[in-house]
């Protein structure tokens, strides 16, 4: 008798076909994490979206020479 095949599992690190960018990990203190969560909820975003927005705005200011 043949064995049952386990279903294929995709991992978080699997390449996604429509992804444009590359993943980055942030290690935050508990206080900063709570603050990020608070501000993200106020704006209706998740923590990843808000942190991405903050980083992109900071990089744009750096390019303009205002940072």
C-alpha atoms as a PDB file:
ATOM      1  CA  UNK A   1       0.000   0.000   0.000  1.00  0.00           C
ATOM      2  CA  UNK A   2       1.160   3.486  -0.753  1.00  0.00           C
ATOM      3  CA  UNK A   3       1.591   6.039   1.995  1.00  0.00           C
ATOM      4  CA  UNK A   4      -0.519   9.157   2.154  1.00  0.00           C
ATOM      5  CA  UNK A   5       1.340  12.206   0.979  1.00  0.00           C
ATOM      6  CA  UNK A   6       1.552  15.092   3.399  1.00  0.00           C
ATOM      7  CA  UNK A   7       0.126  18.358   2.092  1.00  0.00           C
ATOM      8  CA  UNK A   8       2.688  20.851   0.845  1.00  0.00           C
ATOM      9  CA  UNK A   9       3.378  23.604   3.334  1.00  0.00           C
ATOM     10  CA  UNK A  10       4.633  27.023   2.329  1.00  0.00           C
ATOM     11  CA  UNK A  11       7.010  28.705   4.718  1.00  0.00           C
ATOM     12  CA  UNK A  12       7.285  32.371   5.547  1.00  0.00           C
ATOM     13  CA  UNK A  13      10.586  32.510   3.694  1.00  0.00           C
ATOM     14  CA  UNK A  14       9.188  31.018   0.493  1.00  0.00           C
ATOM     15  CA  UNK A  15       9.494  33.313  -2.508  1.00  0.00           C
ATOM     16  CA  UNK A  16       6.218  34.852  -3.527  1.00  0.00           C
ATOM     17  CA  UNK A  17       5.768  35.449  -7.247  1.00  0.00           C
ATOM     18  CA  UNK A  18       4.222  38.933  -6.969  1.00  0.00           C
ATOM     19  CA  UNK A  19       6.541  40.319  -4.290  1.00  0.00           C
ATOM     20  CA  UNK A  20       8.533  43.321  -5.461  1.00  0.00           C
ATOM     21  CA  UNK A  21      10.707  44.023  -2.420  1.00  0.00           C
ATOM     22  CA  UNK A  22      12.742  42.043   0.062  1.00  0.00           C
ATOM     23  CA  UNK A  23      11.879  41.230   3.659  1.00  0.00           C
ATOM     24  CA  UNK A  24      13.595  42.958   6.590  1.00  0.00           C
ATOM     25  CA  UNK A  25      13.428  42.020  10.247  1.00  0.00           C
ATOM     26  CA  UNK A  26      13.305  44.565  13.060  1.00  0.00           C
ATOM     27  CA  UNK A  27      14.158  43.669  16.645  1.00  0.00           C
ATOM     28  CA  UNK A  28      12.350  46.143  18.870  1.00  0.00           C
ATOM     29  CA  UNK A  29      12.209  46.597  22.613  1.00  0.00           C
ATOM     30  CA  UNK A  30       8.868  45.857  24.277  1.00  0.00           C
ATOM     31  CA  UNK A  31       8.194  49.557  24.827  1.00  0.00           C
ATOM     32  CA  UNK A  32       8.838  50.468  21.196  1.00  0.00           C
ATOM     33  CA  UNK A  33       6.777  47.491  20.024  1.00  0.00           C
ATOM     34  CA  UNK A  34       3.809  48.601  22.135  1.00  0.00           C
ATOM     35  CA  UNK A  35       4.131  52.174  20.865  1.00  0.00           C
ATOM     36  CA  UNK A  36       4.309  50.983  17.255  1.00  0.00           C
ATOM     37  CA  UNK A  37       1.237  48.816  17.816  1.00  0.00           C
ATOM     38  CA  UNK A  38      -0.649  51.753  19.365  1.00  0.00           C
ATOM     39  CA  UNK A  39       0.114  54.131  16.475  1.00  0.00           C
ATOM     40  CA  UNK A  40      -0.611  51.459  13.856  1.00  0.00           C
ATOM     41  CA  UNK A  41      -4.044  50.761  15.345  1.00  0.00           C
ATOM     42  CA  UNK A  42      -4.840  54.486  15.467  1.00  0.00           C
ATOM     43  CA  UNK A  43      -4.087  54.734  11.739  1.00  0.00           C
ATOM     44  CA  UNK A  44      -5.850  51.484  10.848  1.00  0.00           C
ATOM     45  CA  UNK A  45      -2.609  49.830   9.719  1.00  0.00           C
ATOM     46  CA  UNK A  46      -0.691  46.812  10.852  1.00  0.00           C
ATOM     47  CA  UNK A  47       2.755  47.168  12.444  1.00  0.00           C
ATOM     48  CA  UNK A  48       4.570  46.091   9.278  1.00  0.00           C
ATOM     49  CA  UNK A  49       2.779  48.690   7.147  1.00  0.00           C
ATOM     50  CA  UNK A  50       3.417  51.507   9.603  1.00  0.00           C
ATOM     51  CA  UNK A  51       7.090  50.627  10.060  1.00  0.00           C
ATOM     52  CA  UNK A  52       7.513  50.421   6.260  1.00  0.00           C
ATOM     53  CA  UNK A  53       5.862  53.841   5.888  1.00  0.00           C
ATOM     54  CA  UNK A  54       8.126  55.365   8.562  1.00  0.00           C
ATOM     55  CA  UNK A  55      11.290  53.936   7.002  1.00  0.00           C
ATOM     56  CA  UNK A  56      10.314  55.078   3.494  1.00  0.00           C
ATOM     57  CA  UNK A  57       9.566  58.612   4.714  1.00  0.00           C
ATOM     58  CA  UNK A  58      12.897  58.714   6.558  1.00  0.00           C
ATOM     59  CA  UNK A  59      14.782  57.522   3.466  1.00  0.00           C
ATOM     60  CA  UNK A  60      13.046  60.140   1.320  1.00  0.00           C
ATOM     61  CA  UNK A  61      14.105  62.892   3.750  1.00  0.00           C
ATOM     62  CA  UNK A  62      17.669  61.565   3.643  1.00  0.00           C
ATOM     63  CA  UNK A  63      17.671  61.736  -0.169  1.00  0.00           C
ATOM     64  CA  UNK A  64      16.448  65.337  -0.050  1.00  0.00           C
ATOM     65  CA  UNK A  65      19.196  66.246   2.413  1.00  0.00           C
ATOM     66  CA  UNK A  66      16.832  67.235   5.219  1.00  0.00           C
ATOM     67  CA  UNK A  67      17.731  64.388   7.566  1.00  0.00           C
END
